[in-house]
């Protein structure tokens, strides 16, 4: 097992905890739960807005689930060159989190 595979498995575990948190404990302040945002609690005052926020949270969790499943397929079937390109793609996608989403927290 090479280093890219080990790092990818670590990323998969991290993302899996995010998916579980977002689907089952969205108000959590851990594992990228949205409880960090005061707006989560404020949205509960308006059921229509809260349903919209829950929809967005579930959409993010579903997107992460797609990512996880695709990575599992890549790990299972890919050759070394594909693993390297997948690693580069992961770095770029993770960088987008730090560029746009993390500053909002």
PDB file of N, CA and C in Angstrom:
ATOM      1  N   UNK A   1       0.855  -1.172   0.000  1.00  0.00           N
ATOM      2  CA  UNK A   1       0.000   0.000   0.000  1.00  0.00           C
ATOM      3  C   UNK A   1       0.904   1.240   0.000  1.00  0.00           C
ATOM      4  N   UNK A   2       0.711   2.103  -0.976  1.00  0.00           N
ATOM      5  CA  UNK A   2       1.554   3.293  -1.071  1.00  0.00           C
ATOM      6  C   UNK A   2       0.966   4.462  -0.277  1.00  0.00           C
ATOM      7  N   UNK A   3       1.735   5.531  -0.190  1.00  0.00           N
ATOM      8  CA  UNK A   3       1.348   6.682   0.622  1.00  0.00           C
ATOM      9  C   UNK A   3       0.067   7.346   0.122  1.00  0.00           C
ATOM     10  N   UNK A   4      -0.106   7.435  -1.182  1.00  0.00           N
ATOM     11  CA  UNK A   4      -1.327   8.052  -1.729  1.00  0.00           C
ATOM     12  C   UNK A   4      -2.555   7.260  -1.299  1.00  0.00           C
ATOM     13  N   UNK A   5      -2.469   5.949  -1.304  1.00  0.00           N
ATOM     14  CA  UNK A   5      -3.587   5.106  -0.875  1.00  0.00           C
ATOM     15  C   UNK A   5      -3.887   5.329   0.602  1.00  0.00           C
ATOM     16  N   UNK A   6      -2.859   5.403   1.425  1.00  0.00           N
ATOM     17  CA  UNK A   6      -3.052   5.606   2.862  1.00  0.00           C
ATOM     18  C   UNK A   6      -3.701   6.964   3.138  1.00  0.00           C
ATOM     19  N   UNK A   7      -3.217   8.011   2.482  1.00  0.00           N
ATOM     20  CA  UNK A   7      -3.784   9.345   2.659  1.00  0.00           C
ATOM     21  C   UNK A   7      -5.233   9.378   2.164  1.00  0.00           C
ATOM     22  N   UNK A   8      -5.503   8.731   1.058  1.00  0.00           N
ATOM     23  CA  UNK A   8      -6.868   8.695   0.518  1.00  0.00           C
ATOM     24  C   UNK A   8      -7.804   7.967   1.470  1.00  0.00           C
ATOM     25  N   UNK A   9      -7.359   6.882   2.055  1.00  0.00           N
ATOM     26  CA  UNK A   9      -8.184   6.158   3.029  1.00  0.00           C
ATOM     27  C   UNK A   9      -8.455   7.053   4.245  1.00  0.00           C
ATOM     28  N   UNK A  10      -7.440   7.785   4.685  1.00  0.00           N
ATOM     29  CA  UNK A  10      -7.645   8.734   5.783  1.00  0.00           C
ATOM     30  C   UNK A  10      -8.675   9.792   5.428  1.00  0.00           C
ATOM     31  N   UNK A  11      -8.596  10.308   4.206  1.00  0.00           N
ATOM     32  CA  UNK A  11      -9.564  11.291   3.730  1.00  0.00           C
ATOM     33  C   UNK A  11     -10.965  10.684   3.688  1.00  0.00           C
ATOM     34  N   UNK A  12     -11.067   9.440   3.240  1.00  0.00           N
ATOM     35  CA  UNK A  12     -12.368   8.760   3.190  1.00  0.00           C
ATOM     36  C   UNK A  12     -12.979   8.644   4.585  1.00  0.00           C
ATOM     37  N   UNK A  13     -12.169   8.304   5.557  1.00  0.00           N
ATOM     38  CA  UNK A  13     -12.665   8.187   6.933  1.00  0.00           C
ATOM     39  C   UNK A  13     -13.145   9.547   7.447  1.00  0.00           C
ATOM     40  N   UNK A  14     -12.352  10.578   7.191  1.00  0.00           N
ATOM     41  CA  UNK A  14     -12.735  11.929   7.590  1.00  0.00           C
ATOM     42  C   UNK A  14     -14.056  12.342   6.947  1.00  0.00           C
ATOM     43  N   UNK A  15     -14.180  12.125   5.658  1.00  0.00           N
ATOM     44  CA  UNK A  15     -15.408  12.495   4.949  1.00  0.00           C
ATOM     45  C   UNK A  15     -16.602  11.656   5.415  1.00  0.00           C
ATOM     46  N   UNK A  16     -16.362  10.393   5.739  1.00  0.00           N
ATOM     47  CA  UNK A  16     -17.449   9.539   6.233  1.00  0.00           C
ATOM     48  C   UNK A  16     -17.996  10.087   7.557  1.00  0.00           C
ATOM     49  N   UNK A  17     -17.110  10.574   8.431  1.00  0.00           N
ATOM     50  CA  UNK A  17     -17.597  11.174   9.679  1.00  0.00           C
ATOM     51  C   UNK A  17     -18.385  12.446   9.389  1.00  0.00           C
ATOM     52  N   UNK A  18     -17.965  13.190   8.371  1.00  0.00           N
ATOM     53  CA  UNK A  18     -18.719  14.384   7.981  1.00  0.00           C
ATOM     54  C   UNK A  18     -20.117  14.019   7.505  1.00  0.00           C
ATOM     55  N   UNK A  19     -20.219  12.980   6.690  1.00  0.00           N
ATOM     56  CA  UNK A  19     -21.519  12.561   6.155  1.00  0.00           C
ATOM     57  C   UNK A  19     -22.439  12.106   7.284  1.00  0.00           C
ATOM     58  N   UNK A  20     -21.922  11.298   8.195  1.00  0.00           N
ATOM     59  CA  UNK A  20     -22.735  10.835   9.329  1.00  0.00           C
ATOM     60  C   UNK A  20     -23.211  12.026  10.152  1.00  0.00           C
ATOM     61  N   UNK A  21     -22.305  12.964  10.407  1.00  0.00           N
ATOM     62  CA  UNK A  21     -22.678  14.150  11.178  1.00  0.00           C
ATOM     63  C   UNK A  21     -23.751  14.958  10.466  1.00  0.00           C
ATOM     64  N   UNK A  22     -23.555  15.222   9.189  1.00  0.00           N
ATOM     65  CA  UNK A  22     -24.520  16.050   8.459  1.00  0.00           C
ATOM     66  C   UNK A  22     -25.883  15.388   8.321  1.00  0.00           C
ATOM     67  N   UNK A  23     -25.915  14.075   8.125  1.00  0.00           N
ATOM     68  CA  UNK A  23     -27.203  13.391   7.998  1.00  0.00           C
ATOM     69  C   UNK A  23     -27.909  13.193   9.336  1.00  0.00           C
ATOM     70  N   UNK A  24     -27.166  12.855  10.384  1.00  0.00           N
ATOM     71  CA  UNK A  24     -27.797  12.444  11.632  1.00  0.00           C
ATOM     72  C   UNK A  24     -27.637  13.426  12.788  1.00  0.00           C
ATOM     73  N   UNK A  25     -26.632  14.290  12.748  1.00  0.00           N
ATOM     74  CA  UNK A  25     -26.387  15.270  13.810  1.00  0.00           C
ATOM     75  C   UNK A  25     -26.016  16.623  13.210  1.00  0.00           C
ATOM     76  N   UNK A  26     -26.877  17.188  12.365  1.00  0.00           N
ATOM     77  CA  UNK A  26     -26.487  18.408  11.646  1.00  0.00           C
ATOM     78  C   UNK A  26     -26.190  19.592  12.554  1.00  0.00           C
ATOM     79  N   UNK A  27     -26.784  19.636  13.728  1.00  0.00           N
ATOM     80  CA  UNK A  27     -26.544  20.753  14.638  1.00  0.00           C
ATOM     81  C   UNK A  27     -25.265  20.633  15.439  1.00  0.00           C
ATOM     82  N   UNK A  28     -24.490  19.593  15.192  1.00  0.00           N
ATOM     83  CA  UNK A  28     -23.244  19.372  15.919  1.00  0.00           C
ATOM     84  C   UNK A  28     -22.227  20.466  15.612  1.00  0.00           C
ATOM     85  N   UNK A  29     -21.373  20.704  16.590  1.00  0.00           N
ATOM     86  CA  UNK A  29     -20.284  21.656  16.383  1.00  0.00           C
ATOM     87  C   UNK A  29     -18.996  20.937  15.996  1.00  0.00           C
ATOM     88  N   UNK A  30     -19.079  19.641  15.762  1.00  0.00           N
ATOM     89  CA  UNK A  30     -17.920  18.830  15.397  1.00  0.00           C
ATOM     90  C   UNK A  30     -18.120  18.226  14.013  1.00  0.00           C
ATOM     91  N   UNK A  31     -17.025  17.803  13.391  1.00  0.00           N
ATOM     92  CA  UNK A  31     -17.045  17.082  12.105  1.00  0.00           C
ATOM     93  C   UNK A  31     -17.810  17.847  11.028  1.00  0.00           C
ATOM     94  N   UNK A  32     -17.596  19.150  10.958  1.00  0.00           N
ATOM     95  CA  UNK A  32     -18.240  20.019   9.967  1.00  0.00           C
ATOM     96  C   UNK A  32     -19.754  20.108  10.108  1.00  0.00           C
ATOM     97  N   UNK A  33     -20.255  19.858  11.311  1.00  0.00           N
ATOM     98  CA  UNK A  33     -21.676  20.098  11.554  1.00  0.00           C
ATOM     99  C   UNK A  33     -21.946  21.592  11.465  1.00  0.00           C
ATOM    100  N   UNK A  34     -23.184  21.961  11.224  1.00  0.00           N
ATOM    101  CA  UNK A  34     -23.499  23.379  11.036  1.00  0.00           C
ATOM    102  C   UNK A  34     -23.870  24.077  12.340  1.00  0.00           C
ATOM    103  N   UNK A  35     -23.702  23.385  13.471  1.00  0.00           N
ATOM    104  CA  UNK A  35     -23.963  23.999  14.761  1.00  0.00           C
ATOM    105  C   UNK A  35     -23.013  25.138  15.085  1.00  0.00           C
ATOM    106  N   UNK A  36     -21.912  25.241  14.346  1.00  0.00           N
ATOM    107  CA  UNK A  36     -20.978  26.352  14.533  1.00  0.00           C
ATOM    108  C   UNK A  36     -21.595  27.686  14.125  1.00  0.00           C
ATOM    109  N   UNK A  37     -22.572  27.629  13.263  1.00  0.00           N
ATOM    110  CA  UNK A  37     -23.186  28.844  12.744  1.00  0.00           C
ATOM    111  C   UNK A  37     -24.405  29.226  13.585  1.00  0.00           C
ATOM    112  N   UNK A  38     -24.430  30.468  14.054  1.00  0.00           N
ATOM    113  CA  UNK A  38     -25.585  30.954  14.819  1.00  0.00           C
ATOM    114  C   UNK A  38     -26.849  30.910  13.963  1.00  0.00           C
ATOM    115  N   UNK A  39     -26.675  31.008  12.666  1.00  0.00           N
ATOM    116  CA  UNK A  39     -27.827  31.014  11.755  1.00  0.00           C
ATOM    117  C   UNK A  39     -28.586  29.689  11.784  1.00  0.00           C
ATOM    118  N   UNK A  40     -27.917  28.587  12.150  1.00  0.00           N
ATOM    119  CA  UNK A  40     -28.607  27.285  12.245  1.00  0.00           C
ATOM    120  C   UNK A  40     -29.738  27.383  13.260  1.00  0.00           C
ATOM    121  N   UNK A  41     -29.447  27.907  14.438  1.00  0.00           N
ATOM    122  CA  UNK A  41     -30.472  28.051  15.473  1.00  0.00           C
ATOM    123  C   UNK A  41     -31.508  29.100  15.080  1.00  0.00           C
ATOM    124  N   UNK A  42     -31.055  30.194  14.472  1.00  0.00           N
ATOM    125  CA  UNK A  42     -31.983  31.237  14.038  1.00  0.00           C
ATOM    126  C   UNK A  42     -32.947  30.714  12.982  1.00  0.00           C
ATOM    127  N   UNK A  43     -32.470  29.832  12.118  1.00  0.00           N
ATOM    128  CA  UNK A  43     -33.333  29.318  11.044  1.00  0.00           C
ATOM    129  C   UNK A  43     -34.477  28.482  11.596  1.00  0.00           C
ATOM    130  N   UNK A  44     -34.314  27.943  12.793  1.00  0.00           N
ATOM    131  CA  UNK A  44     -35.372  27.111  13.392  1.00  0.00           C
ATOM    132  C   UNK A  44     -36.610  27.927  13.733  1.00  0.00           C
ATOM    133  N   UNK A  45     -36.459  29.232  13.835  1.00  0.00           N
ATOM    134  CA  UNK A  45     -37.608  30.106  14.132  1.00  0.00           C
ATOM    135  C   UNK A  45     -38.567  30.209  12.950  1.00  0.00           C
ATOM    136  N   UNK A  46     -38.060  30.000  11.757  1.00  0.00           N
ATOM    137  CA  UNK A  46     -38.873  30.060  10.542  1.00  0.00           C
ATOM    138  C   UNK A  46     -38.810  28.692   9.871  1.00  0.00           C
ATOM    139  N   UNK A  47     -39.886  27.893   9.973  1.00  0.00           N
ATOM    140  CA  UNK A  47     -39.845  26.525   9.438  1.00  0.00           C
ATOM    141  C   UNK A  47     -39.501  26.450   7.956  1.00  0.00           C
ATOM    142  N   UNK A  48     -39.942  27.418   7.173  1.00  0.00           N
ATOM    143  CA  UNK A  48     -39.648  27.398   5.741  1.00  0.00           C
ATOM    144  C   UNK A  48     -38.151  27.586   5.485  1.00  0.00           C
ATOM    145  N   UNK A  49     -37.551  28.529   6.175  1.00  0.00           N
ATOM    146  CA  UNK A  49     -36.107  28.756   6.043  1.00  0.00           C
ATOM    147  C   UNK A  49     -35.338  27.557   6.585  1.00  0.00           C
ATOM    148  N   UNK A  50     -35.786  27.009   7.716  1.00  0.00           N
ATOM    149  CA  UNK A  50     -35.079  25.871   8.305  1.00  0.00           C
ATOM    150  C   UNK A  50     -35.132  24.654   7.370  1.00  0.00           C
ATOM    151  N   UNK A  51     -36.257  24.439   6.718  1.00  0.00           N
ATOM    152  CA  UNK A  51     -36.337  23.339   5.746  1.00  0.00           C
ATOM    153  C   UNK A  51     -35.357  23.556   4.594  1.00  0.00           C
ATOM    154  N   UNK A  52     -35.227  24.798   4.164  1.00  0.00           N
ATOM    155  CA  UNK A  52     -34.270  25.110   3.100  1.00  0.00           C
ATOM    156  C   UNK A  52     -32.829  24.843   3.564  1.00  0.00           C
ATOM    157  N   UNK A  53     -32.515  25.260   4.775  1.00  0.00           N
ATOM    158  CA  UNK A  53     -31.175  25.040   5.321  1.00  0.00           C
ATOM    159  C   UNK A  53     -30.915  23.543   5.466  1.00  0.00           C
ATOM    160  N   UNK A  54     -31.906  22.789   5.951  1.00  0.00           N
ATOM    161  CA  UNK A  54     -31.739  21.332   6.068  1.00  0.00           C
ATOM    162  C   UNK A  54     -31.541  20.701   4.692  1.00  0.00           C
ATOM    163  N   UNK A  55     -32.260  21.203   3.687  1.00  0.00           N
ATOM    164  CA  UNK A  55     -32.083  20.714   2.326  1.00  0.00           C
ATOM    165  C   UNK A  55     -30.632  20.915   1.875  1.00  0.00           C
ATOM    166  N   UNK A  56     -30.090  22.102   2.111  1.00  0.00           N
ATOM    167  CA  UNK A  56     -28.711  22.388   1.709  1.00  0.00           C
ATOM    168  C   UNK A  56     -27.712  21.509   2.458  1.00  0.00           C
ATOM    169  N   UNK A  57     -27.941  21.299   3.741  1.00  0.00           N
ATOM    170  CA  UNK A  57     -27.060  20.440   4.538  1.00  0.00           C
ATOM    171  C   UNK A  57     -27.094  19.017   3.980  1.00  0.00           C
ATOM    172  N   UNK A  58     -28.276  18.514   3.679  1.00  0.00           N
ATOM    173  CA  UNK A  58     -28.392  17.160   3.120  1.00  0.00           C
ATOM    174  C   UNK A  58     -27.805  17.077   1.722  1.00  0.00           C
ATOM    175  N   UNK A  59     -27.903  18.148   0.959  1.00  0.00           N
ATOM    176  CA  UNK A  59     -27.300  18.178  -0.373  1.00  0.00           C
ATOM    177  C   UNK A  59     -25.778  18.056  -0.263  1.00  0.00           C
ATOM    178  N   UNK A  60     -25.185  18.791   0.672  1.00  0.00           N
ATOM    179  CA  UNK A  60     -23.738  18.706   0.891  1.00  0.00           C
ATOM    180  C   UNK A  60     -23.353  17.288   1.315  1.00  0.00           C
ATOM    181  N   UNK A  61     -24.120  16.701   2.231  1.00  0.00           N
ATOM    182  CA  UNK A  61     -23.834  15.332   2.674  1.00  0.00           C
ATOM    183  C   UNK A  61     -23.922  14.356   1.503  1.00  0.00           C
ATOM    184  N   UNK A  62     -24.911  14.518   0.641  1.00  0.00           N
ATOM    185  CA  UNK A  62     -25.040  13.650  -0.527  1.00  0.00           C
ATOM    186  C   UNK A  62     -23.877  13.798  -1.499  1.00  0.00           C
ATOM    187  N   UNK A  63     -23.427  15.026  -1.668  1.00  0.00           N
ATOM    188  CA  UNK A  63     -22.267  15.269  -2.529  1.00  0.00           C
ATOM    189  C   UNK A  63     -21.024  14.604  -1.960  1.00  0.00           C
ATOM    190  N   UNK A  64     -20.845  14.710  -0.660  1.00  0.00           N
ATOM    191  CA  UNK A  64     -19.710  14.059  -0.008  1.00  0.00           C
ATOM    192  C   UNK A  64     -19.807  12.541  -0.152  1.00  0.00           C
ATOM    193  N   UNK A  65     -21.002  12.004  -0.079  1.00  0.00           N
ATOM    194  CA  UNK A  65     -21.204  10.565  -0.236  1.00  0.00           C
ATOM    195  C   UNK A  65     -20.813  10.106  -1.637  1.00  0.00           C
ATOM    196  N   UNK A  66     -21.163  10.895  -2.642  1.00  0.00           N
ATOM    197  CA  UNK A  66     -20.751  10.581  -4.017  1.00  0.00           C
ATOM    198  C   UNK A  66     -19.226  10.568  -4.101  1.00  0.00           C
ATOM    199  N   UNK A  67     -18.591  11.563  -3.533  1.00  0.00           N
ATOM    200  CA  UNK A  67     -17.137  11.656  -3.501  1.00  0.00           C
ATOM    201  C   UNK A  67     -16.529  10.401  -2.866  1.00  0.00           C
ATOM    202  N   UNK A  68     -17.061  10.001  -1.723  1.00  0.00           N
ATOM    203  CA  UNK A  68     -16.560   8.827  -0.997  1.00  0.00           C
ATOM    204  C   UNK A  68     -16.667   7.577  -1.859  1.00  0.00           C
ATOM    205  N   UNK A  69     -17.820   7.367  -2.438  1.00  0.00           N
ATOM    206  CA  UNK A  69     -18.027   6.151  -3.236  1.00  0.00           C
ATOM    207  C   UNK A  69     -17.141   6.125  -4.474  1.00  0.00           C
ATOM    208  N   UNK A  70     -16.975   7.264  -5.118  1.00  0.00           N
ATOM    209  CA  UNK A  70     -16.066   7.318  -6.268  1.00  0.00           C
ATOM    210  C   UNK A  70     -14.623   7.030  -5.857  1.00  0.00           C
ATOM    211  N   UNK A  71     -14.214   7.552  -4.721  1.00  0.00           N
ATOM    212  CA  UNK A  71     -12.851   7.281  -4.251  1.00  0.00           C
ATOM    213  C   UNK A  71     -12.648   5.806  -3.910  1.00  0.00           C
ATOM    214  N   UNK A  72     -13.659   5.178  -3.359  1.00  0.00           N
ATOM    215  CA  UNK A  72     -13.555   3.743  -3.069  1.00  0.00           C
ATOM    216  C   UNK A  72     -13.367   2.962  -4.356  1.00  0.00           C
ATOM    217  N   UNK A  73     -14.132   3.307  -5.382  1.00  0.00           N
ATOM    218  CA  UNK A  73     -13.985   2.638  -6.678  1.00  0.00           C
ATOM    219  C   UNK A  73     -12.591   2.883  -7.246  1.00  0.00           C
ATOM    220  N   UNK A  74     -12.112   4.114  -7.151  1.00  0.00           N
ATOM    221  CA  UNK A  74     -10.775   4.433  -7.655  1.00  0.00           C
ATOM    222  C   UNK A  74      -9.717   3.628  -6.911  1.00  0.00           C
ATOM    223  N   UNK A  75      -9.816   3.588  -5.588  1.00  0.00           N
ATOM    224  CA  UNK A  75      -8.832   2.828  -4.808  1.00  0.00           C
ATOM    225  C   UNK A  75      -8.845   1.345  -5.165  1.00  0.00           C
ATOM    226  N   UNK A  76     -10.022   0.836  -5.434  1.00  0.00           N
ATOM    227  CA  UNK A  76     -10.161  -0.588  -5.716  1.00  0.00           C
ATOM    228  C   UNK A  76      -9.676  -0.958  -7.119  1.00  0.00           C
ATOM    229  N   UNK A  77      -9.852  -0.063  -8.079  1.00  0.00           N
ATOM    230  CA  UNK A  77      -9.609  -0.441  -9.477  1.00  0.00           C
ATOM    231  C   UNK A  77      -8.439   0.274 -10.150  1.00  0.00           C
ATOM    232  N   UNK A  78      -7.938   1.349  -9.567  1.00  0.00           N
ATOM    233  CA  UNK A  78      -6.983   2.209 -10.282  1.00  0.00           C
ATOM    234  C   UNK A  78      -5.551   1.692 -10.235  1.00  0.00           C
ATOM    235  N   UNK A  79      -4.819   2.040 -11.285  1.00  0.00           N
ATOM    236  CA  UNK A  79      -3.379   1.779 -11.295  1.00  0.00           C
ATOM    237  C   UNK A  79      -2.676   2.959 -10.610  1.00  0.00           C
ATOM    238  N   UNK A  80      -1.353   2.890 -10.487  1.00  0.00           N
ATOM    239  CA  UNK A  80      -0.600   3.913  -9.767  1.00  0.00           C
ATOM    240  C   UNK A  80      -0.731   5.299 -10.391  1.00  0.00           C
ATOM    241  N   UNK A  81      -0.724   5.378 -11.700  1.00  0.00           N
ATOM    242  CA  UNK A  81      -0.837   6.682 -12.355  1.00  0.00           C
ATOM    243  C   UNK A  81      -2.199   7.324 -12.066  1.00  0.00           C
ATOM    244  N   UNK A  82      -3.255   6.538 -12.120  1.00  0.00           N
ATOM    245  CA  UNK A  82      -4.590   7.069 -11.832  1.00  0.00           C
ATOM    246  C   UNK A  82      -4.683   7.510 -10.376  1.00  0.00           C
ATOM    247  N   UNK A  83      -4.050   6.769  -9.469  1.00  0.00           N
ATOM    248  CA  UNK A  83      -4.037   7.169  -8.063  1.00  0.00           C
ATOM    249  C   UNK A  83      -3.341   8.520  -7.877  1.00  0.00           C
ATOM    250  N   UNK A  84      -2.270   8.745  -8.604  1.00  0.00           N
ATOM    251  CA  UNK A  84      -1.569  10.031  -8.512  1.00  0.00           C
ATOM    252  C   UNK A  84      -2.465  11.160  -9.012  1.00  0.00           C
ATOM    253  N   UNK A  85      -3.098  10.966 -10.159  1.00  0.00           N
ATOM    254  CA  UNK A  85      -3.999  11.998 -10.688  1.00  0.00           C
ATOM    255  C   UNK A  85      -5.192  12.218  -9.752  1.00  0.00           C
ATOM    256  N   UNK A  86      -5.692  11.152  -9.153  1.00  0.00           N
ATOM    257  CA  UNK A  86      -6.789  11.279  -8.187  1.00  0.00           C
ATOM    258  C   UNK A  86      -6.341  12.074  -6.972  1.00  0.00           C
ATOM    259  N   UNK A  87      -5.109  11.834  -6.532  1.00  0.00           N
ATOM    260  CA  UNK A  87      -4.558  12.594  -5.406  1.00  0.00           C
ATOM    261  C   UNK A  87      -4.461  14.073  -5.717  1.00  0.00           C
ATOM    262  N   UNK A  88      -4.026  14.403  -6.919  1.00  0.00           N
ATOM    263  CA  UNK A  88      -3.954  15.808  -7.335  1.00  0.00           C
ATOM    264  C   UNK A  88      -5.354  16.422  -7.363  1.00  0.00           C
ATOM    265  N   UNK A  89      -6.318  15.683  -7.890  1.00  0.00           N
ATOM    266  CA  UNK A  89      -7.698  16.175  -7.929  1.00  0.00           C
ATOM    267  C   UNK A  89      -8.234  16.403  -6.517  1.00  0.00           C
ATOM    268  N   UNK A  90      -7.896  15.519  -5.593  1.00  0.00           N
ATOM    269  CA  UNK A  90      -8.322  15.694  -4.204  1.00  0.00           C
ATOM    270  C   UNK A  90      -7.715  16.955  -3.594  1.00  0.00           C
ATOM    271  N   UNK A  91      -6.438  17.176  -3.843  1.00  0.00           N
ATOM    272  CA  UNK A  91      -5.778  18.367  -3.307  1.00  0.00           C
ATOM    273  C   UNK A  91      -6.456  19.627  -3.834  1.00  0.00           C
ATOM    274  N   UNK A  92      -6.771  19.663  -5.096  1.00  0.00           N
ATOM    275  CA  UNK A  92      -7.446  20.832  -5.683  1.00  0.00           C
ATOM    276  C   UNK A  92      -8.829  21.025  -5.073  1.00  0.00           C
ATOM    277  N   UNK A  93      -9.585  19.927  -4.930  1.00  0.00           N
ATOM    278  CA  UNK A  93     -10.937  20.053  -4.369  1.00  0.00           C
ATOM    279  C   UNK A  93     -10.896  20.460  -2.904  1.00  0.00           C
ATOM    280  N   UNK A  94      -9.929  19.961  -2.153  1.00  0.00           N
ATOM    281  CA  UNK A  94      -9.803  20.345  -0.747  1.00  0.00           C
ATOM    282  C   UNK A  94      -9.362  21.802  -0.641  1.00  0.00           C
ATOM    283  N   UNK A  95      -8.517  22.238  -1.543  1.00  0.00           N
ATOM    284  CA  UNK A  95      -8.078  23.634  -1.543  1.00  0.00           C
ATOM    285  C   UNK A  95      -9.259  24.581  -1.730  1.00  0.00           C
ATOM    286  N   UNK A  96     -10.259  24.168  -2.479  1.00  0.00           N
ATOM    287  CA  UNK A  96     -11.425  25.022  -2.672  1.00  0.00           C
ATOM    288  C   UNK A  96     -12.167  25.246  -1.353  1.00  0.00           C
ATOM    289  N   UNK A  97     -12.130  24.250  -0.465  1.00  0.00           N
ATOM    290  CA  UNK A  97     -12.735  24.414   0.858  1.00  0.00           C
ATOM    291  C   UNK A  97     -12.024  25.543   1.611  1.00  0.00           C
ATOM    292  N   UNK A  98     -10.700  25.502   1.635  1.00  0.00           N
ATOM    293  CA  UNK A  98      -9.948  26.507   2.374  1.00  0.00           C
ATOM    294  C   UNK A  98     -10.004  27.880   1.715  1.00  0.00           C
ATOM    295  N   UNK A  99     -10.239  27.906   0.408  1.00  0.00           N
ATOM    296  CA  UNK A  99     -10.311  29.169  -0.314  1.00  0.00           C
ATOM    297  C   UNK A  99     -11.644  29.874  -0.087  1.00  0.00           C
ATOM    298  N   UNK A 100     -12.755  29.115  -0.141  1.00  0.00           N
ATOM    299  CA  UNK A 100     -14.073  29.748  -0.107  1.00  0.00           C
ATOM    300  C   UNK A 100     -14.884  29.460   1.155  1.00  0.00           C
ATOM    301  N   UNK A 101     -14.902  28.225   1.622  1.00  0.00           N
ATOM    302  CA  UNK A 101     -15.796  27.869   2.722  1.00  0.00           C
ATOM    303  C   UNK A 101     -15.214  28.146   4.102  1.00  0.00           C
ATOM    304  N   UNK A 102     -13.969  27.773   4.317  1.00  0.00           N
ATOM    305  CA  UNK A 102     -13.375  27.962   5.640  1.00  0.00           C
ATOM    306  C   UNK A 102     -13.411  29.420   6.101  1.00  0.00           C
ATOM    307  N   UNK A 103     -13.153  30.386   5.225  1.00  0.00           N
ATOM    308  CA  UNK A 103     -13.232  31.789   5.696  1.00  0.00           C
ATOM    309  C   UNK A 103     -14.637  32.190   6.192  1.00  0.00           C
ATOM    310  N   UNK A 104     -15.664  31.511   5.727  1.00  0.00           N
ATOM    311  CA  UNK A 104     -17.017  31.834   6.180  1.00  0.00           C
ATOM    312  C   UNK A 104     -17.272  31.363   7.609  1.00  0.00           C
ATOM    313  N   UNK A 105     -16.530  30.344   8.026  1.00  0.00           N
ATOM    314  CA  UNK A 105     -16.717  29.836   9.391  1.00  0.00           C
ATOM    315  C   UNK A 105     -16.179  30.855  10.369  1.00  0.00           C
TER     316      UNK A 105
END
